[in-house]
PDB file of all heavy atoms in Angstrom:
ATOM      1  N   SER A   1      -7.660-172.048   3.084  1.00  0.00           N
ATOM      2  CA  SER A   1      -7.516-172.633   4.421  1.00  0.00           C
ATOM      3  C   SER A   1      -6.096-173.150   4.548  1.00  0.00           C
ATOM      4  O   SER A   1      -5.236-172.866   3.706  1.00  0.00           O
ATOM      5  CB  SER A   1      -8.536-173.774   4.637  1.00  0.00           C
ATOM      6  OG  SER A   1      -8.316-174.817   3.709  1.00  0.00           O
ATOM      7  N   LYS A   2      -5.851-173.943   5.606  1.00  0.00           N
ATOM      8  CA  LYS A   2      -4.564-174.592   5.797  1.00  0.00           C
ATOM      9  C   LYS A   2      -4.732-176.089   5.863  1.00  0.00           C
ATOM     10  O   LYS A   2      -5.736-176.589   6.381  1.00  0.00           O
ATOM     11  CB  LYS A   2      -3.879-174.073   7.060  1.00  0.00           C
ATOM     12  CG  LYS A   2      -3.386-172.648   6.970  1.00  0.00           C
ATOM     13  CD  LYS A   2      -2.590-172.232   8.191  1.00  0.00           C
ATOM     14  CE  LYS A   2      -2.055-170.821   8.041  1.00  0.00           C
ATOM     15  NZ  LYS A   2      -1.265-170.410   9.238  1.00  0.00           N
ATOM     16  N   LYS A   3      -3.748-176.815   5.331  1.00  0.00           N
ATOM     17  CA  LYS A   3      -3.737-178.262   5.441  1.00  0.00           C
ATOM     18  C   LYS A   3      -3.356-178.670   6.864  1.00  0.00           C
ATOM     19  O   LYS A   3      -2.979-177.851   7.697  1.00  0.00           O
ATOM     20  CB  LYS A   3      -2.740-178.836   4.433  1.00  0.00           C
ATOM     21  CG  LYS A   3      -3.052-178.475   2.980  1.00  0.00           C
ATOM     22  CD  LYS A   3      -1.961-179.010   2.056  1.00  0.00           C
ATOM     23  CE  LYS A   3      -2.189-178.574   0.631  1.00  0.00           C
ATOM     24  NZ  LYS A   3      -1.085-179.027  -0.293  1.00  0.00           N
ATOM     25  N   ALA A   4      -3.452-179.967   7.122  1.00  0.00           N
ATOM     26  CA  ALA A   4      -3.141-180.485   8.467  1.00  0.00           C
ATOM     27  C   ALA A   4      -1.728-180.159   8.868  1.00  0.00           C
ATOM     28  O   ALA A   4      -1.435-179.968  10.056  1.00  0.00           O
ATOM     29  CB  ALA A   4      -3.407-181.986   8.525  1.00  0.00           C
ATOM     30  N   ASP A   5      -0.821-180.078   7.872  1.00  0.00           N
ATOM     31  CA  ASP A   5       0.591-179.797   8.193  1.00  0.00           C
ATOM     32  C   ASP A   5       0.892-178.306   8.294  1.00  0.00           C
ATOM     33  O   ASP A   5       2.032-177.890   8.478  1.00  0.00           O
ATOM     34  CB  ASP A   5       1.519-180.461   7.177  1.00  0.00           C
ATOM     35  CG  ASP A   5       1.299-179.909   5.750  1.00  0.00           C
ATOM     36  OD1 ASP A   5       0.495-178.989   5.571  1.00  0.00           O
ATOM     37  OD2 ASP A   5       1.941-180.445   4.828  1.00  0.00           O
ATOM     38  N   GLY A   6      -0.156-177.478   8.140  1.00  0.00           N
ATOM     39  CA  GLY A   6      -0.001-176.038   8.283  1.00  0.00           C
ATOM     40  C   GLY A   6       0.288-175.293   7.004  1.00  0.00           C
ATOM     41  O   GLY A   6       0.351-174.060   7.011  1.00  0.00           O
ATOM     42  N   THR A   7       0.480-176.006   5.907  1.00  0.00           N
ATOM     43  CA  THR A   7       0.739-175.352   4.618  1.00  0.00           C
ATOM     44  C   THR A   7      -0.560-174.851   3.995  1.00  0.00           C
ATOM     45  O   THR A   7      -1.645-175.382   4.294  1.00  0.00           O
ATOM     46  CB  THR A   7       1.448-176.297   3.635  1.00  0.00           C
ATOM     47  OG1 THR A   7       0.630-177.472   3.450  1.00  0.00           O
ATOM     48  CG2 THR A   7       2.790-176.739   4.186  1.00  0.00           C
ATOM     49  N   PRO A   8      -0.505-173.838   3.129  1.00  0.00           N
ATOM     50  CA  PRO A   8      -1.741-173.290   2.559  1.00  0.00           C
ATOM     51  C   PRO A   8      -2.461-174.306   1.674  1.00  0.00           C
ATOM     52  O   PRO A   8      -1.854-175.134   1.002  1.00  0.00           O
ATOM     53  CB  PRO A   8      -1.220-172.136   1.707  1.00  0.00           C
ATOM     54  CG  PRO A   8       0.131-171.800   2.239  1.00  0.00           C
ATOM     55  CD  PRO A   8       0.695-173.098   2.717  1.00  0.00           C
ATOM     56  N   SER A   9      -3.793-174.231   1.704  1.00  0.00           N
ATOM     57  CA  SER A   9      -4.635-175.076   0.868  1.00  0.00           C
ATOM     58  C   SER A   9      -5.360-174.189  -0.137  1.00  0.00           C
ATOM     59  O   SER A   9      -6.004-173.183   0.253  1.00  0.00           O
ATOM     60  CB  SER A   9      -5.661-175.834   1.722  1.00  0.00           C
ATOM     61  OG  SER A   9      -6.558-176.555   0.922  1.00  0.00           O
ATOM     62  N   TYR A  10      -5.258-174.538  -1.387  1.00  0.00           N
ATOM     63  CA  TYR A  10      -5.871-173.770  -2.469  1.00  0.00           C
ATOM     64  C   TYR A  10      -7.035-174.562  -3.044  1.00  0.00           C
ATOM     65  O   TYR A  10      -6.876-175.718  -3.418  1.00  0.00           O
ATOM     66  CB  TYR A  10      -4.856-173.476  -3.571  1.00  0.00           C
ATOM     67  CG  TYR A  10      -3.718-172.590  -3.106  1.00  0.00           C
ATOM     68  CD1 TYR A  10      -2.597-173.155  -2.517  1.00  0.00           C
ATOM     69  CD2 TYR A  10      -3.766-171.209  -3.273  1.00  0.00           C
ATOM     70  CE1 TYR A  10      -1.542-172.331  -2.084  1.00  0.00           C
ATOM     71  CE2 TYR A  10      -2.724-170.399  -2.846  1.00  0.00           C
ATOM     72  CZ  TYR A  10      -1.593-170.980  -2.246  1.00  0.00           C
ATOM     73  OH  TYR A  10      -0.584-170.178  -1.813  1.00  0.00           O
ATOM     74  N   THR A  11      -8.204-173.952  -3.122  1.00  0.00           N
ATOM     75  CA  THR A  11      -9.375-174.620  -3.619  1.00  0.00           C
ATOM     76  C   THR A  11     -10.163-173.694  -4.562  1.00  0.00           C
ATOM     77  O   THR A  11      -9.893-172.494  -4.627  1.00  0.00           O
ATOM     78  CB  THR A  11     -10.311-175.046  -2.459  1.00  0.00           C
ATOM     79  OG1 THR A  11     -10.747-173.842  -1.766  1.00  0.00           O
ATOM     80  CG2 THR A  11      -9.601-175.948  -1.473  1.00  0.00           C
ATOM     81  N   LEU A  12     -11.088-174.276  -5.271  1.00  0.00           N
ATOM     82  CA  LEU A  12     -12.026-173.504  -6.103  1.00  0.00           C
ATOM     83  C   LEU A  12     -13.386-173.632  -5.439  1.00  0.00           C
ATOM     84  O   LEU A  12     -13.671-174.604  -4.742  1.00  0.00           O
ATOM     85  CB  LEU A  12     -12.039-174.067  -7.522  1.00  0.00           C
ATOM     86  CG  LEU A  12     -10.730-173.905  -8.286  1.00  0.00           C
ATOM     87  CD1 LEU A  12     -10.880-174.432  -9.712  1.00  0.00           C
ATOM     88  CD2 LEU A  12     -10.219-172.466  -8.291  1.00  0.00           C
ATOM     89  N   PRO A  13     -14.238-172.586  -5.655  1.00  0.00           N
ATOM     90  CA  PRO A  13     -14.239-171.589  -6.687  1.00  0.00           C
ATOM     91  C   PRO A  13     -13.286-170.422  -6.426  1.00  0.00           C
ATOM     92  O   PRO A  13     -12.879-170.149  -5.302  1.00  0.00           O
ATOM     93  CB  PRO A  13     -15.662-171.074  -6.693  1.00  0.00           C
ATOM     94  CG  PRO A  13     -16.074-171.185  -5.257  1.00  0.00           C
ATOM     95  CD  PRO A  13     -15.439-172.461  -4.785  1.00  0.00           C
ATOM     96  N   ALA A  14     -12.978-169.730  -7.522  1.00  0.00           N
ATOM     97  CA  ALA A  14     -12.281-168.468  -7.480  1.00  0.00           C
ATOM     98  C   ALA A  14     -12.773-167.655  -8.671  1.00  0.00           C
ATOM     99  O   ALA A  14     -13.261-168.228  -9.658  1.00  0.00           O
ATOM    100  CB  ALA A  14     -10.788-168.627  -7.534  1.00  0.00           C
ATOM    101  N   ILE A  15     -12.654-166.359  -8.598  1.00  0.00           N
ATOM    102  CA  ILE A  15     -13.024-165.497  -9.741  1.00  0.00           C
ATOM    103  C   ILE A  15     -11.933-164.454  -9.956  1.00  0.00           C
ATOM    104  O   ILE A  15     -11.149-164.137  -9.050  1.00  0.00           O
ATOM    105  CB  ILE A  15     -14.364-164.762  -9.524  1.00  0.00           C
ATOM    106  CG1 ILE A  15     -14.284-163.777  -8.357  1.00  0.00           C
ATOM    107  CG2 ILE A  15     -15.518-165.756  -9.361  1.00  0.00           C
ATOM    108  CD1 ILE A  15     -15.434-162.783  -8.311  1.00  0.00           C
ATOM    109  N   HIS A  16     -11.897-163.942 -11.185  1.00  0.00           N
ATOM    110  CA  HIS A  16     -11.082-162.770 -11.525  1.00  0.00           C
ATOM    111  C   HIS A  16     -11.995-161.727 -12.144  1.00  0.00           C
ATOM    112  O   HIS A  16     -12.676-162.003 -13.154  1.00  0.00           O
ATOM    113  CB  HIS A  16     -10.015-163.160 -12.512  1.00  0.00           C
ATOM    114  CG  HIS A  16      -9.207-162.011 -13.081  1.00  0.00           C
ATOM    115  ND1 HIS A  16      -8.769-160.977 -12.288  1.00  0.00           N
ATOM    116  CD2 HIS A  16      -8.791-161.727 -14.344  1.00  0.00           C
ATOM    117  CE1 HIS A  16      -8.102-160.101 -13.027  1.00  0.00           C
ATOM    118  NE2 HIS A  16      -8.111-160.529 -14.267  1.00  0.00           N
ATOM    119  N   ASP A  17     -12.097-160.591 -11.509  1.00  0.00           N
ATOM    120  CA  ASP A  17     -12.863-159.483 -12.066  1.00  0.00           C
ATOM    121  C   ASP A  17     -11.915-158.683 -12.972  1.00  0.00           C
ATOM    122  O   ASP A  17     -11.006-158.004 -12.481  1.00  0.00           O
ATOM    123  CB  ASP A  17     -13.389-158.600 -10.927  1.00  0.00           C
ATOM    124  CG  ASP A  17     -14.305-157.481 -11.450  1.00  0.00           C
ATOM    125  OD1 ASP A  17     -14.216-157.143 -12.619  1.00  0.00           O
ATOM    126  OD2 ASP A  17     -15.134-156.988 -10.639  1.00  0.00           O
ATOM    127  N   THR A  18     -12.127-158.815 -14.264  1.00  0.00           N
ATOM    128  CA  THR A  18     -11.209-158.185 -15.212  1.00  0.00           C
ATOM    129  C   THR A  18     -11.331-156.658 -15.222  1.00  0.00           C
ATOM    130  O   THR A  18     -10.457-155.977 -15.762  1.00  0.00           O
ATOM    131  CB  THR A  18     -11.464-158.727 -16.648  1.00  0.00           C
ATOM    132  OG1 THR A  18     -12.814-158.443 -17.016  1.00  0.00           O
ATOM    133  CG2 THR A  18     -11.221-160.216 -16.700  1.00  0.00           C
ATOM    134  N   THR A  19     -12.410-156.148 -14.658  1.00  0.00           N
ATOM    135  CA  THR A  19     -12.570-154.689 -14.607  1.00  0.00           C
ATOM    136  C   THR A  19     -11.782-154.071 -13.463  1.00  0.00           C
ATOM    137  O   THR A  19     -11.097-153.064 -13.622  1.00  0.00           O
ATOM    138  CB  THR A  19     -14.072-154.324 -14.435  1.00  0.00           C
ATOM    139  OG1 THR A  19     -14.797-154.846 -15.574  1.00  0.00           O
ATOM    140  CG2 THR A  19     -14.264-152.826 -14.340  1.00  0.00           C
ATOM    141  N   THR A  20     -11.863-154.690 -12.280  1.00  0.00           N
ATOM    142  CA  THR A  20     -11.159-154.152 -11.121  1.00  0.00           C
ATOM    143  C   THR A  20      -9.775-154.787 -10.914  1.00  0.00           C
ATOM    144  O   THR A  20      -8.950-154.264 -10.139  1.00  0.00           O
ATOM    145  CB  THR A  20     -11.973-154.387  -9.845  1.00  0.00           C
ATOM    146  OG1 THR A  20     -12.051-155.804  -9.579  1.00  0.00           O
ATOM    147  CG2 THR A  20     -13.387-153.832  -9.989  1.00  0.00           C
ATOM    148  N   GLY A  21      -9.567-155.939 -11.557  1.00  0.00           N
ATOM    149  CA  GLY A  21      -8.311-156.637 -11.371  1.00  0.00           C
ATOM    150  C   GLY A  21      -8.288-157.583 -10.176  1.00  0.00           C
ATOM    151  O   GLY A  21      -7.299-158.254  -9.902  1.00  0.00           O
ATOM    152  N   ALA A  22      -9.378-157.618  -9.434  1.00  0.00           N
ATOM    153  CA  ALA A  22      -9.449-158.415  -8.181  1.00  0.00           C
ATOM    154  C   ALA A  22      -9.512-159.914  -8.473  1.00  0.00           C
ATOM    155  O   ALA A  22     -10.168-160.359  -9.418  1.00  0.00           O
ATOM    156  CB  ALA A  22     -10.672-158.006  -7.366  1.00  0.00           C
ATOM    157  N   TYR A  23      -8.821-160.672  -7.626  1.00  0.00           N
ATOM    158  CA  TYR A  23      -8.936-162.125  -7.590  1.00  0.00           C
ATOM    159  C   TYR A  23      -9.490-162.478  -6.227  1.00  0.00           C
ATOM    160  O   TYR A  23      -8.956-162.088  -5.200  1.00  0.00           O
ATOM    161  CB  TYR A  23      -7.562-162.788  -7.758  1.00  0.00           C
ATOM    162  CG  TYR A  23      -7.002-162.738  -9.167  1.00  0.00           C
ATOM    163  CD1 TYR A  23      -6.143-161.736  -9.569  1.00  0.00           C
ATOM    164  CD2 TYR A  23      -7.324-163.731 -10.112  1.00  0.00           C
ATOM    165  CE1 TYR A  23      -5.599-161.688 -10.830  1.00  0.00           C
ATOM    166  CE2 TYR A  23      -6.804-163.719 -11.373  1.00  0.00           C
ATOM    167  CZ  TYR A  23      -5.947-162.683 -11.742  1.00  0.00           C
ATOM    168  OH  TYR A  23      -5.431-162.665 -13.004  1.00  0.00           O
ATOM    169  N   ILE A  24     -10.589-163.247  -6.208  1.00  0.00           N
ATOM    170  CA  ILE A  24     -11.231-163.602  -4.978  1.00  0.00           C
ATOM    171  C   ILE A  24     -11.422-165.134  -4.968  1.00  0.00           C
ATOM    172  O   ILE A  24     -11.826-165.732  -5.966  1.00  0.00           O
ATOM    173  CB  ILE A  24     -12.648-162.940  -4.822  1.00  0.00           C
ATOM    174  CG1 ILE A  24     -12.561-161.449  -5.170  1.00  0.00           C
ATOM    175  CG2 ILE A  24     -13.188-163.164  -3.438  1.00  0.00           C
ATOM    176  CD1 ILE A  24     -11.771-160.636  -4.177  1.00  0.00           C
ATOM    177  N   SER A  25     -11.152-165.749  -3.800  1.00  0.00           N
ATOM    178  CA  SER A  25     -11.347-167.195  -3.642  1.00  0.00           C
ATOM    179  C   SER A  25     -12.343-167.486  -2.534  1.00  0.00           C
ATOM    180  O   SER A  25     -12.582-166.654  -1.646  1.00  0.00           O
ATOM    181  CB  SER A  25     -10.015-167.859  -3.344  1.00  0.00           C
ATOM    182  OG  SER A  25      -9.418-167.299  -2.179  1.00  0.00           O
ATOM    183  N   ASP A  26     -12.945-168.675  -2.593  1.00  0.00           N
ATOM    184  CA  ASP A  26     -13.905-169.192  -1.623  1.00  0.00           C
ATOM    185  C   ASP A  26     -15.289-168.624  -1.897  1.00  0.00           C
ATOM    186  O   ASP A  26     -15.444-167.445  -2.184  1.00  0.00           O
ATOM    187  CB  ASP A  26     -13.464-168.867  -0.192  1.00  0.00           C
ATOM    188  CG  ASP A  26     -13.926-169.933   0.805  1.00  0.00           C
ATOM    189  OD1 ASP A  26     -14.667-170.854   0.423  1.00  0.00           O
ATOM    190  OD2 ASP A  26     -13.525-169.840   1.979  1.00  0.00           O
ATOM    191  N   SER A  27     -16.292-169.494  -1.788  1.00  0.00           N
ATOM    192  CA  SER A  27     -17.606-169.149  -2.282  1.00  0.00           C
ATOM    193  C   SER A  27     -18.236-167.930  -1.582  1.00  0.00           C
ATOM    194  O   SER A  27     -18.710-166.999  -2.271  1.00  0.00           O
ATOM    195  CB  SER A  27     -18.561-170.349  -2.185  1.00  0.00           C
ATOM    196  OG  SER A  27     -18.609-170.849  -0.877  1.00  0.00           O
ATOM    197  N   PHE A  28     -18.272-167.896  -0.267  1.00  0.00           N
ATOM    198  CA  PHE A  28     -18.975-166.787   0.398  1.00  0.00           C
ATOM    199  C   PHE A  28     -18.254-165.460   0.216  1.00  0.00           C
ATOM    200  O   PHE A  28     -18.922-164.452  -0.070  1.00  0.00           O
ATOM    201  CB  PHE A  28     -19.215-167.099   1.875  1.00  0.00           C
ATOM    202  CG  PHE A  28     -20.296-166.240   2.468  1.00  0.00           C
ATOM    203  CD1 PHE A  28     -21.637-166.424   2.145  1.00  0.00           C
ATOM    204  CD2 PHE A  28     -19.967-165.201   3.334  1.00  0.00           C
ATOM    205  CE1 PHE A  28     -22.622-165.609   2.677  1.00  0.00           C
ATOM    206  CE2 PHE A  28     -20.950-164.373   3.861  1.00  0.00           C
ATOM    207  CZ  PHE A  28     -22.282-164.581   3.537  1.00  0.00           C
ATOM    208  N   PRO A  29     -16.931-165.366   0.345  1.00  0.00           N
ATOM    209  CA  PRO A  29     -16.260-164.110   0.043  1.00  0.00           C
ATOM    210  C   PRO A  29     -16.492-163.632  -1.393  1.00  0.00           C
ATOM    211  O   PRO A  29     -16.628-162.449  -1.649  1.00  0.00           O
ATOM    212  CB  PRO A  29     -14.782-164.406   0.279  1.00  0.00           C
ATOM    213  CG  PRO A  29     -14.801-165.474   1.314  1.00  0.00           C
ATOM    214  CD  PRO A  29     -15.975-166.336   0.972  1.00  0.00           C
ATOM    215  N   ILE A  30     -16.595-164.599  -2.334  1.00  0.00           N
ATOM    216  CA  ILE A  30     -16.896-164.221  -3.721  1.00  0.00           C
ATOM    217  C   ILE A  30     -18.291-163.604  -3.802  1.00  0.00           C
ATOM    218  O   ILE A  30     -18.481-162.573  -4.457  1.00  0.00           O
ATOM    219  CB  ILE A  30     -16.809-165.456  -4.659  1.00  0.00           C
ATOM    220  CG1 ILE A  30     -15.345-165.902  -4.786  1.00  0.00           C
ATOM    221  CG2 ILE A  30     -17.369-165.108  -6.020  1.00  0.00           C
ATOM    222  CD1 ILE A  30     -15.183-167.228  -5.517  1.00  0.00           C
ATOM    223  N   VAL A  31     -19.255-164.228  -3.154  1.00  0.00           N
ATOM    224  CA  VAL A  31     -20.619-163.726  -3.180  1.00  0.00           C
ATOM    225  C   VAL A  31     -20.682-162.333  -2.531  1.00  0.00           C
ATOM    226  O   VAL A  31     -21.360-161.437  -3.061  1.00  0.00           O
ATOM    227  CB  VAL A  31     -21.574-164.707  -2.470  1.00  0.00           C
ATOM    228  CG1 VAL A  31     -22.978-164.103  -2.371  1.00  0.00           C
ATOM    229  CG2 VAL A  31     -21.628-166.009  -3.251  1.00  0.00           C
ATOM    230  N   GLU A  32     -19.986-162.140  -1.424  1.00  0.00           N
ATOM    231  CA  GLU A  32     -19.951-160.829  -0.806  1.00  0.00           C
ATOM    232  C   GLU A  32     -19.332-159.782  -1.735  1.00  0.00           C
ATOM    233  O   GLU A  32     -19.815-158.643  -1.810  1.00  0.00           O
ATOM    234  CB  GLU A  32     -19.156-160.902   0.516  1.00  0.00           C
ATOM    235  CG  GLU A  32     -19.864-161.676   1.601  1.00  0.00           C
ATOM    236  CD  GLU A  32     -19.075-161.726   2.871  1.00  0.00           C
ATOM    237  OE1 GLU A  32     -17.860-162.061   2.807  1.00  0.00           O
ATOM    238  OE2 GLU A  32     -19.633-161.449   3.953  1.00  0.00           O
ATOM    239  N   TYR A  33     -18.306-160.169  -2.456  1.00  0.00           N
ATOM    240  CA  TYR A  33     -17.684-159.274  -3.413  1.00  0.00           C
ATOM    241  C   TYR A  33     -18.660-158.915  -4.545  1.00  0.00           C
ATOM    242  O   TYR A  33     -18.771-157.738  -4.941  1.00  0.00           O
ATOM    243  CB  TYR A  33     -16.443-159.914  -4.018  1.00  0.00           C
ATOM    244  CG  TYR A  33     -15.797-159.109  -5.123  1.00  0.00           C
ATOM    245  CD1 TYR A  33     -14.900-158.092  -4.817  1.00  0.00           C
ATOM    246  CD2 TYR A  33     -16.078-159.342  -6.449  1.00  0.00           C
ATOM    247  CE1 TYR A  33     -14.311-157.310  -5.809  1.00  0.00           C
ATOM    248  CE2 TYR A  33     -15.507-158.587  -7.456  1.00  0.00           C
ATOM    249  CZ  TYR A  33     -14.640-157.545  -7.146  1.00  0.00           C
ATOM    250  OH  TYR A  33     -14.052-156.791  -8.137  1.00  0.00           O
ATOM    251  N   LEU A  34     -19.362-159.897  -5.054  1.00  0.00           N
ATOM    252  CA  LEU A  34     -20.322-159.640  -6.125  1.00  0.00           C
ATOM    253  C   LEU A  34     -21.465-158.743  -5.657  1.00  0.00           C
ATOM    254  O   LEU A  34     -21.923-157.865  -6.416  1.00  0.00           O
ATOM    255  CB  LEU A  34     -20.892-160.961  -6.653  1.00  0.00           C
ATOM    256  CG  LEU A  34     -19.875-161.909  -7.341  1.00  0.00           C
ATOM    257  CD1 LEU A  34     -20.543-163.231  -7.692  1.00  0.00           C
ATOM    258  CD2 LEU A  34     -19.261-161.274  -8.571  1.00  0.00           C
ATOM    259  N   GLU A  35     -21.904-158.936  -4.439  1.00  0.00           N
ATOM    260  CA  GLU A  35     -22.955-158.057  -3.875  1.00  0.00           C
ATOM    261  C   GLU A  35     -22.491-156.594  -3.828  1.00  0.00           C
ATOM    262  O   GLU A  35     -23.229-155.694  -4.181  1.00  0.00           O
ATOM    263  CB  GLU A  35     -23.309-158.525  -2.477  1.00  0.00           C
ATOM    264  CG  GLU A  35     -24.239-159.716  -2.392  1.00  0.00           C
ATOM    265  CD  GLU A  35     -25.695-159.309  -2.644  1.00  0.00           C
ATOM    266  OE1 GLU A  35     -26.292-158.630  -1.784  1.00  0.00           O
ATOM    267  OE2 GLU A  35     -26.232-159.718  -3.685  1.00  0.00           O
ATOM    268  N   LYS A  36     -21.280-156.399  -3.392  1.00  0.00           N
ATOM    269  CA  LYS A  36     -20.742-155.047  -3.244  1.00  0.00           C
ATOM    270  C   LYS A  36     -20.409-154.414  -4.576  1.00  0.00           C
ATOM    271  O   LYS A  36     -20.651-153.211  -4.784  1.00  0.00           O
ATOM    272  CB  LYS A  36     -19.479-155.089  -2.367  1.00  0.00           C
ATOM    273  CG  LYS A  36     -18.835-153.738  -2.122  1.00  0.00           C
ATOM    274  CD  LYS A  36     -17.613-153.883  -1.229  1.00  0.00           C
ATOM    275  CE  LYS A  36     -16.947-152.514  -1.007  1.00  0.00           C
ATOM    276  NZ  LYS A  36     -15.724-152.648  -0.129  1.00  0.00           N
ATOM    277  N   THR A  37     -19.879-155.215  -5.495  1.00  0.00           N
ATOM    278  CA  THR A  37     -19.355-154.663  -6.755  1.00  0.00           C
ATOM    279  C   THR A  37     -20.443-154.454  -7.793  1.00  0.00           C
ATOM    280  O   THR A  37     -20.313-153.602  -8.682  1.00  0.00           O
ATOM    281  CB  THR A  37     -18.263-155.601  -7.304  1.00  0.00           C
ATOM    282  OG1 THR A  37     -17.299-155.804  -6.285  1.00  0.00           O
ATOM    283  CG2 THR A  37     -17.576-155.010  -8.522  1.00  0.00           C
ATOM    284  N   PHE A  38     -21.527-155.258  -7.677  1.00  0.00           N
ATOM    285  CA  PHE A  38     -22.638-155.138  -8.635  1.00  0.00           C
ATOM    286  C   PHE A  38     -23.945-154.827  -7.886  1.00  0.00           C
ATOM    287  O   PHE A  38     -24.855-155.661  -7.816  1.00  0.00           O
ATOM    288  CB  PHE A  38     -22.782-156.446  -9.426  1.00  0.00           C
ATOM    289  CG  PHE A  38     -21.538-156.781 -10.231  1.00  0.00           C
ATOM    290  CD1 PHE A  38     -20.521-157.580  -9.689  1.00  0.00           C
ATOM    291  CD2 PHE A  38     -21.392-156.319 -11.515  1.00  0.00           C
ATOM    292  CE1 PHE A  38     -19.384-157.901 -10.413  1.00  0.00           C
ATOM    293  CE2 PHE A  38     -20.249-156.621 -12.263  1.00  0.00           C
ATOM    294  CZ  PHE A  38     -19.256-157.418 -11.701  1.00  0.00           C
ATOM    295  N   PRO A  39     -24.019-153.638  -7.283  1.00  0.00           N
ATOM    296  CA  PRO A  39     -25.188-153.295  -6.427  1.00  0.00           C
ATOM    297  C   PRO A  39     -26.506-153.172  -7.186  1.00  0.00           C
ATOM    298  O   PRO A  39     -27.560-153.200  -6.526  1.00  0.00           O
ATOM    299  CB  PRO A  39     -24.749-151.936  -5.805  1.00  0.00           C
ATOM    300  CG  PRO A  39     -23.823-151.331  -6.834  1.00  0.00           C
ATOM    301  CD  PRO A  39     -23.057-152.513  -7.393  1.00  0.00           C
ATOM    302  N   ASN A  40     -26.448-153.019  -8.488  1.00  0.00           N
ATOM    303  CA  ASN A  40     -27.686-152.855  -9.239  1.00  0.00           C
ATOM    304  C   ASN A  40     -28.239-154.152  -9.778  1.00  0.00           C
ATOM    305  O   ASN A  40     -29.114-154.172 -10.652  1.00  0.00           O
ATOM    306  CB  ASN A  40     -27.455-151.878 -10.371  1.00  0.00           C
ATOM    307  CG  ASN A  40     -27.117-150.481  -9.868  1.00  0.00           C
ATOM    308  OD1 ASN A  40     -27.675-150.013  -8.867  1.00  0.00           O
ATOM    309  ND2 ASN A  40     -26.214-149.780 -10.552  1.00  0.00           N
ATOM    310  N   THR A  41     -27.731-155.268  -9.271  1.00  0.00           N
ATOM    311  CA  THR A  41     -28.244-156.582  -9.624  1.00  0.00           C
ATOM    312  C   THR A  41     -29.071-157.121  -8.475  1.00  0.00           C
ATOM    313  O   THR A  41     -28.973-156.619  -7.329  1.00  0.00           O
ATOM    314  CB  THR A  41     -27.088-157.567  -9.922  1.00  0.00           C
ATOM    315  OG1 THR A  41     -26.296-157.706  -8.736  1.00  0.00           O
ATOM    316  CG2 THR A  41     -26.226-157.059 -11.068  1.00  0.00           C
ATOM    317  N   PRO A  42     -29.928-158.130  -8.686  1.00  0.00           N
ATOM    318  CA  PRO A  42     -30.734-158.696  -7.598  1.00  0.00           C
ATOM    319  C   PRO A  42     -29.861-159.138  -6.440  1.00  0.00           C
ATOM    320  O   PRO A  42     -28.883-159.844  -6.624  1.00  0.00           O
ATOM    321  CB  PRO A  42     -31.453-159.862  -8.238  1.00  0.00           C
ATOM    322  CG  PRO A  42     -31.501-159.516  -9.705  1.00  0.00           C
ATOM    323  CD  PRO A  42     -30.221-158.783  -9.979  1.00  0.00           C
TER     324      PRO A  42
END
C-alpha cells in the first residue's frame, strides 16, 4: 500500500516460491497465487 505521505508501505506476510522464483506480498494475493500454483491441493 502507500503511507499517508504517498511513499510505499511494506508489510508482511510475503512468500518466496523457490521453484518459480516468484515473490508475492499481501495475504489475499498470496492465497490466490497458492491456489493457482498448487491446483492439486485442497
